[in-house]
Amino acid sequence: MSKGHVPFSSLSSSQQKKRYENMCATKRRKKEIRLAFWKPKIINALKLCENSRVNAAFYLGIKTSHLRKLMVETKPDVNWAKEFPTKHFKVK
């Protein structure tokens, strides 16, 4: 990078496409591993804390906003509102 060298500047268009696809696949894999790590812990914490999101986040040692973010990311797998309703949840 010193003397004006630009990294990956000599890649062809097919090599750039392959590099981009590999980067996306790696990011997707890391996300799946992270969610697989947190999902059972969240389920256990909600059961122990009687479906209280605030108490479950405290039990896990994370912020409530981080718990909500994780729950949104795992929403296709788990219907949190149906399986772990809060005491304030009202059926529409």
Protein backbone atom coordinates (compact mmCIF):
# COMPACT_ATOMS: atom_id res chain seq x y z
CA MET A 1 0.00 0.00 0.00
CA SER A 2 2.96 2.23 0.33
CA LYS A 3 4.17 3.71 -2.95
CA GLY A 4 0.61 3.73 -4.34
CA HIS A 5 -0.03 -0.03 -4.41
CA VAL A 6 -3.78 -0.79 -4.38
CA PRO A 7 -4.70 -4.23 -2.99
CA PHE A 8 -6.66 -6.55 -5.29
CA SER A 9 -6.30 -4.14 -8.21
CA SER A 10 -4.93 -6.83 -10.51
CA LEU A 11 -7.94 -9.16 -10.21
CA SER A 12 -10.01 -9.91 -13.28
CA SER A 13 -13.76 -9.37 -13.20
CA SER A 14 -14.42 -13.08 -12.66
CA GLN A 15 -11.90 -13.15 -9.79
CA GLN A 16 -13.52 -10.08 -8.23
CA LYS A 17 -16.94 -11.75 -8.48
CA LYS A 18 -15.61 -14.94 -6.89
CA ARG A 19 -13.96 -12.92 -4.09
CA TYR A 20 -17.21 -11.06 -3.40
CA GLU A 21 -19.21 -14.33 -3.33
CA ASN A 22 -16.71 -15.86 -0.88
CA MET A 23 -16.89 -12.80 1.37
CA CYS A 24 -20.70 -12.98 1.43
CA ALA A 25 -20.67 -16.71 2.13
CA THR A 26 -18.24 -16.24 5.00
CA LYS A 27 -20.35 -13.48 6.51
CA ARG A 28 -23.50 -15.64 6.20
CA ARG A 29 -21.74 -18.62 7.85
CA LYS A 30 -20.52 -16.48 10.75
CA LYS A 31 -24.04 -15.13 11.29
CA GLU A 32 -25.50 -18.65 11.33
CA ILE A 33 -22.91 -19.78 13.88
CA ARG A 34 -23.58 -16.73 16.07
CA LEU A 35 -27.35 -17.25 15.98
CA ALA A 36 -26.99 -21.00 16.66
CA PHE A 37 -24.94 -20.05 19.73
CA TRP A 38 -27.50 -17.56 21.09
CA LYS A 39 -30.85 -19.19 20.21
CA PRO A 40 -30.86 -21.97 22.86
CA LYS A 41 -29.51 -19.56 25.48
CA ILE A 42 -32.32 -17.08 24.77
CA ILE A 43 -34.95 -19.82 24.94
CA ASN A 44 -33.58 -21.05 28.27
CA ALA A 45 -33.36 -17.52 29.69
CA LEU A 46 -36.95 -16.72 28.69
CA LYS A 47 -38.18 -19.93 30.34
CA LEU A 48 -36.30 -19.15 33.55
CA CYS A 49 -37.42 -15.49 33.61
CA GLU A 50 -41.09 -16.19 32.84
CA ASN A 51 -40.87 -14.67 29.33
CA SER A 52 -39.61 -11.31 30.60
CA ARG A 53 -37.31 -9.88 27.94
CA VAL A 54 -35.64 -7.42 30.35
CA ASN A 55 -34.91 -10.07 32.97
CA ALA A 56 -33.74 -12.54 30.30
CA ALA A 57 -31.29 -9.97 28.93
CA PHE A 58 -30.00 -9.32 32.45
CA TYR A 59 -29.67 -13.08 33.02
CA LEU A 60 -27.68 -13.45 29.79
CA GLY A 61 -25.51 -10.44 30.62
CA ILE A 62 -26.45 -8.48 27.49
CA LYS A 63 -28.41 -5.31 26.83
CA THR A 64 -32.12 -5.51 26.12
CA SER A 65 -31.57 -3.99 22.68
CA HIS A 66 -29.06 -6.74 21.81
CA LEU A 67 -31.56 -9.40 22.91
CA ARG A 68 -34.24 -7.83 20.72
CA LYS A 69 -31.85 -7.72 17.77
CA LEU A 70 -31.05 -11.41 18.21
CA MET A 71 -34.74 -12.23 18.47
CA VAL A 72 -35.50 -10.35 15.25
CA GLU A 73 -32.68 -12.17 13.44
CA THR A 74 -33.98 -15.58 14.58
CA LYS A 75 -37.63 -14.75 13.90
CA PRO A 76 -37.87 -17.07 10.85
CA ASP A 77 -36.95 -20.01 13.11
CA VAL A 78 -38.85 -19.11 16.29
CA ASN A 79 -42.12 -17.22 16.64
CA TRP A 80 -41.15 -15.41 19.84
CA ALA A 81 -44.49 -13.67 20.37
CA LYS A 82 -46.44 -16.93 20.11
CA GLU A 83 -44.08 -19.32 21.89
CA PHE A 84 -42.88 -16.90 24.59
CA PRO A 85 -45.59 -14.25 25.04
CA THR A 86 -45.01 -11.48 27.55
CA LYS A 87 -47.59 -10.65 30.17
CA HIS A 88 -48.39 -7.48 28.18
CA PHE A 89 -48.98 -9.35 24.88
CA LYS A 90 -52.51 -9.01 23.54
CA VAL A 91 -53.84 -11.24 20.77
CA LYS A 92 -55.12 -9.18 17.87
